[in-house]
Amino acid sequence: MSTQNKKIGVIGVGSFGTAIANLLALNGVDTLLYSRQPKLVQQIKETRQHQGITISDHIEPTDDLEKIASGCDLIFPIIPSKNFRSLMKELGPYLQPYHILIHGTKGFGLKNFQEEALLFHETRLTRDNVCTMSEVIRQESVVVRIGCLAGPNLASEILDGQPTATVIASPFTEVIKKGKGLLNSRQFHVFGSHELLGTELAGALKNIIAIGSGILGGMNMGKNIQAMLITRGLTEMIHIGGAMGTEAKAFLGTAGIGDLIATATSQDSRNYTFGKRLGAGEDFESILESMPELAEGVRTLKIVRQLAKHYKLHVPITEMLYNVVFEAFDMNRALHYLMKYPYAVDVDFM
């Protein structure tokens, strides 16, 4: 079926979902924007405002998933990874093979595994338990044509009209072309890639490094050590990606290095901000409670640390960050450990 004369769906009224809906609207695309909260939907309809953002008249808020599925052939699900599977279980019965889904969620789903067990030292997590969002979509629906939206996409900058680029990755050229046609503009350039798994992994894994970079910022460390952390962090991302089945080149473009730099250096990044507040001495729980949106890297760190144990990977940054974030390990001791870690060579993935 064609997407002509049909609306485009965006699921999720977080900052990034709202930004994508506004980008579509700026291109003259009529858009359905979904929230599960009827009161919020009504408020947006009445005020045309959300989180201080003006909502275009091309955007129709709704709390009806069936309406999204019946009225839209192409849908952008952009919600926290922890809630992604439950969303797809609700949405799946309404979807047909003709639908196209391009998700914008940078994290992992779990399958046959309890979230609470991630913090147990004796936990055994395998690749079978860890799913990318495209894998969740396949598991919970009949949709075949799936893509991922990733890159240096700080929502606040997009909403301010600042220029950026993104990547739509999919094994299907049609999905890339449709996504480009809808989102490309003078301020938002869309690259295409057929490396779906690598793009999803890059988008999820860089959030861990952004937390570490934020911790350094909170400790008033300088750019030299921040650059070292980002560089060595990229190496860990590539090794984890390799163990999960993708090549290094997936991490060396816009969705990899580009997103990593933006997320690990910007005050507008939730993951960097979480780390910075932690590094400045704030309490873990109070930070989470006071942040309006989840820092995806916190959950991703728990998953990846367990997955690295399964693959028997040496990921000292991931391990030290886990100890600092979840076990209150002394930050200065962690930094000293990483400075002294016996890396064999500088670049070991080419």
Protein backbone atom coordinates (compact mmCIF):
# COMPACT_ATOMS: atom_id res chain seq x y z
CA MET A 1 0.00 0.00 0.00
CA SER A 2 1.11 3.58 -0.61
CA THR A 3 1.67 6.18 2.08
CA GLN A 4 0.29 8.84 -0.26
CA ASN A 5 -2.74 10.70 1.11
CA LYS A 6 -2.37 8.98 4.47
CA LYS A 7 -1.04 10.45 7.66
CA ILE A 8 2.26 9.48 9.24
CA GLY A 9 2.23 8.17 12.80
CA VAL A 10 4.61 9.09 15.62
CA ILE A 11 4.27 7.10 18.84
CA GLY A 12 5.72 8.89 21.84
CA VAL A 13 5.47 12.49 23.09
CA GLY A 14 8.93 12.64 24.64
CA SER A 15 11.31 15.30 23.40
CA PHE A 16 12.59 13.28 20.44
CA GLY A 17 9.18 11.98 19.38
CA THR A 18 7.80 15.51 19.51
CA ALA A 19 10.79 16.78 17.51
CA ILE A 20 10.25 14.19 14.77
CA ALA A 21 6.53 15.02 14.62
CA ASN A 22 7.40 18.70 14.23
CA LEU A 23 9.95 17.92 11.49
CA LEU A 24 7.28 16.01 9.58
CA ALA A 25 4.83 18.87 10.07
CA LEU A 26 7.38 21.44 8.85
CA ASN A 27 7.55 19.42 5.63
CA GLY A 28 3.78 19.68 5.32
CA VAL A 29 3.14 16.07 6.39
CA ASP A 30 -0.10 15.47 8.30
CA THR A 31 0.89 13.53 11.40
CA LEU A 32 -0.81 11.58 14.16
CA LEU A 33 1.08 11.93 17.47
CA TYR A 34 0.29 9.25 20.06
CA SER A 35 0.34 9.45 23.84
CA ARG A 36 -1.18 6.86 26.15
CA GLN A 37 -2.37 9.70 28.45
CA PRO A 38 -5.83 10.99 27.42
CA LYS A 39 -5.50 14.12 29.59
CA LEU A 40 -2.22 15.05 27.91
CA VAL A 41 -3.74 14.47 24.46
CA GLN A 42 -6.63 16.77 25.32
CA GLN A 43 -4.27 19.39 26.72
CA ILE A 44 -2.18 19.41 23.53
CA LYS A 45 -5.33 19.68 21.42
CA GLU A 46 -6.55 22.67 23.42
CA THR A 47 -3.28 24.57 23.92
CA ARG A 48 -1.19 23.39 20.94
CA GLN A 49 1.71 23.33 23.42
CA HIS A 50 3.75 20.50 24.97
CA GLN A 51 6.82 20.88 27.21
CA GLY A 52 7.10 24.47 26.06
CA ILE A 53 6.98 23.42 22.40
CA THR A 54 4.42 24.78 19.94
CA ILE A 55 2.65 21.88 18.24
CA SER A 56 1.95 22.42 14.53
CA ASP A 57 -1.59 22.36 13.19
CA HIS A 58 -0.42 19.53 10.91
CA ILE A 59 -0.15 17.35 14.04
CA GLU A 60 -3.20 15.61 15.48
CA PRO A 61 -2.70 14.20 19.01
CA THR A 62 -4.39 10.90 19.79
CA ASP A 63 -4.48 8.20 22.47
CA ASP A 64 -5.90 5.59 20.07
CA LEU A 65 -3.37 3.03 18.78
CA GLU A 66 -5.92 1.45 16.45
CA LYS A 67 -6.42 4.86 14.82
CA ILE A 68 -2.64 5.17 14.33
CA ALA A 69 -2.47 1.74 12.66
CA SER A 70 -5.53 2.18 10.45
CA GLY A 71 -4.71 5.77 9.48
CA CYS A 72 -0.98 5.44 8.89
CA ASP A 73 1.03 3.06 6.71
CA LEU A 74 4.33 4.40 8.09
CA ILE A 75 4.85 4.79 11.84
CA PHE A 76 7.75 6.11 13.91
CA PRO A 77 7.72 4.47 17.40
CA ILE A 78 9.93 6.61 19.68
CA ILE A 79 9.51 5.58 23.30
CA PRO A 80 11.85 4.38 26.09
CA SER A 81 13.33 0.93 25.47
CA LYS A 82 11.94 -0.42 28.74
CA ASN A 83 8.38 0.17 27.47
CA PHE A 84 8.95 -0.78 23.84
CA ARG A 85 7.87 -4.42 24.01
CA SER A 86 4.68 -3.64 25.92
CA LEU A 87 3.84 -1.00 23.30
CA MET A 88 4.40 -3.48 20.48
CA LYS A 89 2.20 -6.05 22.23
CA GLU A 90 -0.60 -3.44 22.23
CA LEU A 91 0.06 -2.15 18.71
CA GLY A 92 0.88 -5.51 17.08
CA PRO A 93 -2.68 -6.81 16.66
CA TYR A 94 -3.57 -3.71 14.61
CA LEU A 95 -0.58 -3.93 12.27
CA GLN A 96 -0.51 -5.51 8.81
CA PRO A 97 2.36 -6.69 6.57
CA TYR A 98 2.03 -3.50 4.50
CA HIS A 99 3.01 -1.30 7.46
CA ILE A 100 6.48 0.26 7.71
CA LEU A 101 7.96 0.99 11.15
CA ILE A 102 11.03 3.19 11.63
CA HIS A 103 11.87 3.33 15.31
CA GLY A 104 13.89 6.03 17.05
CA THR A 105 14.58 4.22 20.34
CA LYS A 106 18.22 3.88 21.42
CA GLY A 107 18.33 0.96 23.80
CA PHE A 108 17.70 -2.76 24.22
CA GLY A 109 14.71 -4.93 24.95
CA LEU A 110 14.72 -8.06 27.11
CA LYS A 111 13.19 -11.41 26.26
CA ASN A 112 12.49 -14.20 28.78
CA PHE A 113 14.40 -12.26 31.41
CA GLN A 114 13.36 -10.26 34.46
CA GLU A 115 14.52 -6.64 34.60
CA GLU A 116 15.27 -6.88 38.32
CA ALA A 117 17.82 -9.67 37.76
CA LEU A 118 20.18 -7.34 35.88
CA LEU A 119 21.80 -6.21 39.13
CA PHE A 120 22.50 -9.71 40.44
CA HIS A 121 26.16 -10.76 40.18
CA GLU A 122 25.23 -14.37 39.46
CA THR A 123 22.95 -13.37 36.57
CA ARG A 124 23.58 -15.08 33.24
CA LEU A 125 22.34 -12.94 30.37
CA THR A 126 22.86 -14.14 26.78
CA ARG A 127 22.29 -12.69 23.32
CA ASP A 128 19.03 -14.66 23.18
CA ASN A 129 17.74 -12.49 26.04
CA VAL A 130 18.81 -9.14 24.51
CA CYS A 131 16.90 -7.65 21.58
CA THR A 132 17.28 -4.58 19.47
CA MET A 133 14.08 -2.66 18.84
CA SER A 134 13.82 -4.00 15.28
CA GLU A 135 13.96 -7.52 16.71
CA VAL A 136 11.20 -6.66 19.18
CA ILE A 137 9.06 -5.34 16.31
CA ARG A 138 9.53 -8.61 14.39
CA GLN A 139 8.75 -10.68 17.48
CA GLU A 140 5.55 -8.82 18.37
CA SER A 141 4.03 -8.05 14.94
CA VAL A 142 3.74 -9.16 11.32
CA VAL A 143 5.68 -6.11 10.11
CA VAL A 144 8.62 -6.92 7.84
CA ARG A 145 9.80 -3.54 6.54
CA ILE A 146 11.57 -2.09 9.55
CA GLY A 147 14.09 0.72 9.95
CA CYS A 148 15.94 2.65 12.61
CA LEU A 149 16.43 6.40 12.98
CA ALA A 150 19.76 7.25 14.64
CA GLY A 151 22.44 9.91 14.77
CA PRO A 152 23.38 13.10 16.60
CA ASN A 153 19.75 14.03 17.21
CA LEU A 154 19.63 16.19 20.34
CA ALA A 155 15.93 17.01 20.42
CA SER A 156 16.36 20.53 21.83
CA GLU A 157 18.58 21.54 18.90
CA ILE A 158 16.19 20.03 16.35
CA LEU A 159 13.28 21.90 17.93
CA ASP A 160 15.34 25.12 17.81
CA GLY A 161 15.73 24.65 14.05
CA GLN A 162 19.47 24.03 14.22
CA PRO A 163 20.98 21.94 11.40
CA THR A 164 21.86 18.29 11.96
CA ALA A 165 22.02 14.95 10.16
CA THR A 166 20.60 11.55 10.91
CA VAL A 167 20.73 8.02 9.55
CA ILE A 168 17.83 5.82 8.54
CA ALA A 169 19.08 2.24 8.50
CA SER A 170 17.14 -0.65 7.04
CA PRO A 171 17.80 -3.71 4.89
CA PHE A 172 15.02 -2.36 2.65
CA THR A 173 15.91 0.46 0.24
CA GLU A 174 12.21 1.37 0.09
CA VAL A 175 12.17 2.11 3.83
CA ILE A 176 15.23 4.38 3.54
CA LYS A 177 13.74 6.24 0.55
CA LYS A 178 10.39 6.79 2.26
CA GLY A 179 12.04 7.99 5.46
CA LYS A 180 14.30 10.36 3.55
CA GLY A 181 11.38 11.73 1.56
CA LEU A 182 9.44 12.51 4.71
CA LEU A 183 12.21 13.98 6.90
CA ASN A 184 14.81 15.54 4.61
CA SER A 185 14.89 19.32 4.86
CA ARG A 186 17.35 22.20 4.88
CA GLN A 187 17.92 21.71 8.59
CA PHE A 188 17.70 17.91 8.75
CA HIS A 189 19.79 15.82 6.36
CA VAL A 190 19.07 12.10 6.20
CA PHE A 191 21.72 9.56 5.27
CA GLY A 192 20.80 5.98 4.39
CA SER A 193 22.40 2.73 5.52
CA HIS A 194 21.65 -0.95 5.10
CA GLU A 195 23.51 -1.76 8.34
CA LEU A 196 20.50 -1.96 10.64
CA LEU A 197 22.06 -3.92 13.50
CA GLY A 198 25.20 -1.76 13.64
CA THR A 199 23.17 1.44 13.62
CA GLU A 200 20.96 0.21 16.47
CA LEU A 201 23.96 -0.94 18.52
CA ALA A 202 25.82 2.34 18.01
CA GLY A 203 22.78 4.32 19.13
CA ALA A 204 22.37 2.25 22.29
CA LEU A 205 26.00 1.79 23.34
CA LYS A 206 27.09 5.42 23.05
CA ASN A 207 24.74 6.33 25.91
CA ILE A 208 26.98 4.42 28.32
CA ILE A 209 30.02 6.43 27.27
CA ALA A 210 28.00 9.65 27.55
CA ILE A 211 27.32 8.88 31.22
CA GLY A 212 31.04 8.42 31.80
CA SER A 213 31.83 11.67 30.01
CA GLY A 214 29.25 13.44 32.15
CA ILE A 215 30.81 12.03 35.33
CA LEU A 216 34.14 13.54 34.27
CA GLY A 217 32.38 16.86 33.72
CA GLY A 218 30.84 16.67 37.17
CA MET A 219 34.30 15.99 38.62
CA ASN A 220 35.60 19.14 36.83
CA MET A 221 37.97 17.14 34.66
CA GLY A 222 39.27 18.65 31.43
CA LYS A 223 38.93 17.90 27.73
CA ASN A 224 42.03 15.71 27.51
CA ILE A 225 40.63 12.99 29.74
CA GLN A 226 37.16 13.42 28.19
CA ALA A 227 38.66 12.84 24.75
CA MET A 228 40.49 9.76 26.03
CA LEU A 229 37.30 8.33 27.53
CA ILE A 230 35.30 8.93 24.33
CA THR A 231 38.04 7.37 22.17
CA ARG A 232 38.52 4.30 24.35
CA GLY A 233 34.76 4.10 24.78
CA LEU A 234 34.34 3.93 21.01
CA THR A 235 36.74 0.98 21.00
CA GLU A 236 34.60 -0.83 23.58
CA MET A 237 31.48 -0.11 21.54
CA ILE A 238 33.13 -1.66 18.48
CA HIS A 239 34.22 -4.78 20.38
CA ILE A 240 30.74 -5.27 21.83
CA GLY A 241 29.24 -4.73 18.39
CA GLY A 242 31.60 -7.27 16.90
CA ALA A 243 30.59 -9.86 19.47
CA MET A 244 26.95 -9.19 18.62
CA GLY A 245 27.53 -9.60 14.89
CA THR A 246 28.30 -6.27 13.27
CA GLU A 247 31.40 -4.67 11.74
CA ALA A 248 33.50 -1.73 12.96
CA LYS A 249 32.47 0.53 10.07
CA ALA A 250 28.94 0.77 11.49
CA PHE A 251 30.40 2.78 14.40
CA LEU A 252 32.54 5.16 12.34
CA GLY A 253 29.84 7.28 10.71
CA THR A 254 27.03 9.66 11.64
CA ALA A 255 25.14 7.14 13.79
CA GLY A 256 28.36 6.08 15.52
CA ILE A 257 31.05 8.70 16.10
CA GLY A 258 28.64 11.52 15.23
CA ASP A 259 26.06 10.52 17.81
CA LEU A 260 28.75 9.64 20.36
CA ILE A 261 30.35 13.09 20.20
CA ALA A 262 27.04 14.91 20.48
CA THR A 263 25.69 12.77 23.31
CA ALA A 264 28.94 12.64 25.28
CA THR A 265 29.66 16.38 25.21
CA SER A 266 26.33 18.22 25.34
CA GLN A 267 24.45 19.60 28.34
CA ASP A 268 21.30 18.86 26.33
CA SER A 269 22.05 15.11 26.46
CA ARG A 270 20.11 13.32 29.21
CA ASN A 271 22.87 10.74 29.58
CA TYR A 272 25.63 13.33 29.87
CA THR A 273 23.51 15.33 32.33
CA PHE A 274 22.83 12.26 34.47
CA GLY A 275 26.56 11.52 34.62
CA LYS A 276 27.50 15.09 35.37
CA ARG A 277 25.09 15.31 38.28
CA LEU A 278 26.39 12.00 39.62
CA GLY A 279 29.98 13.17 39.23
CA ALA A 280 29.14 16.36 41.14
CA GLY A 281 28.00 14.29 44.11
CA GLU A 282 24.22 13.99 43.71
CA ASP A 283 22.43 10.84 44.81
CA PHE A 284 21.56 8.24 42.13
CA GLU A 285 17.88 7.92 43.08
CA SER A 286 17.27 11.64 43.43
CA ILE A 287 18.73 12.25 39.97
CA LEU A 288 16.43 9.66 38.40
CA GLU A 289 13.38 11.01 40.21
CA SER A 290 14.04 14.61 39.17
CA MET A 291 14.80 13.97 35.48
CA PRO A 292 11.70 14.45 33.29
CA GLU A 293 12.82 11.72 30.88
CA LEU A 294 14.77 8.51 31.38
CA ALA A 295 18.51 8.52 30.64
CA GLU A 296 18.58 5.40 28.45
CA GLY A 297 22.23 4.73 29.24
CA VAL A 298 21.45 3.83 32.86
CA ARG A 299 19.42 0.79 31.81
CA THR A 300 21.70 0.00 28.87
CA LEU A 301 24.71 -0.07 31.22
CA LYS A 302 23.09 -2.84 33.28
CA ILE A 303 22.32 -4.91 30.20
CA VAL A 304 25.65 -4.45 28.43
CA ARG A 305 27.70 -5.20 31.54
CA GLN A 306 25.96 -8.57 31.84
CA LEU A 307 26.22 -9.23 28.09
CA ALA A 308 29.97 -8.49 28.13
CA LYS A 309 30.35 -11.19 30.80
CA HIS A 310 28.56 -13.62 28.49
CA TYR A 311 30.94 -12.81 25.62
CA LYS A 312 33.99 -12.72 27.94
CA LEU A 313 34.91 -9.24 26.69
CA HIS A 314 37.42 -6.90 28.32
CA VAL A 315 35.39 -3.69 28.69
CA PRO A 316 37.03 -1.78 31.56
CA ILE A 317 35.09 1.46 30.99
CA THR A 318 31.75 -0.33 31.05
CA GLU A 319 32.77 -2.31 34.14
CA MET A 320 34.02 0.74 36.06
CA LEU A 321 30.95 2.79 35.13
CA TYR A 322 28.70 -0.01 36.36
CA ASN A 323 30.59 -0.05 39.67
CA VAL A 324 30.35 3.73 40.03
CA VAL A 325 26.68 4.07 39.05
CA PHE A 326 25.20 1.01 40.78
CA GLU A 327 27.67 0.11 43.52
CA ALA A 328 28.83 3.56 44.67
CA PHE A 329 32.44 2.79 43.76
CA ASP A 330 34.79 5.72 44.38
CA MET A 331 35.06 7.77 41.18
CA ASN A 332 38.68 8.77 41.67
CA ARG A 333 39.67 5.14 42.19
CA ALA A 334 37.76 4.19 39.03
CA LEU A 335 39.54 6.91 37.07
CA HIS A 336 42.93 5.80 38.39
CA TYR A 337 42.14 2.21 37.38
CA LEU A 338 41.25 3.25 33.83
CA MET A 339 44.33 5.44 33.50
CA LYS A 340 46.53 2.47 34.47
CA TYR A 341 44.63 -0.16 32.47
CA PRO A 342 47.13 -2.02 30.24
CA TYR A 343 45.71 -1.35 26.79
CA ALA A 344 47.88 -3.25 24.28
CA VAL A 345 47.60 -0.83 21.35
CA ASP A 346 45.79 2.39 20.58
CA VAL A 347 43.63 1.18 17.67
CA ASP A 348 42.92 -2.55 17.65
CA PHE A 349 39.79 -2.84 15.51
CA MET A 350 41.04 -1.98 12.00
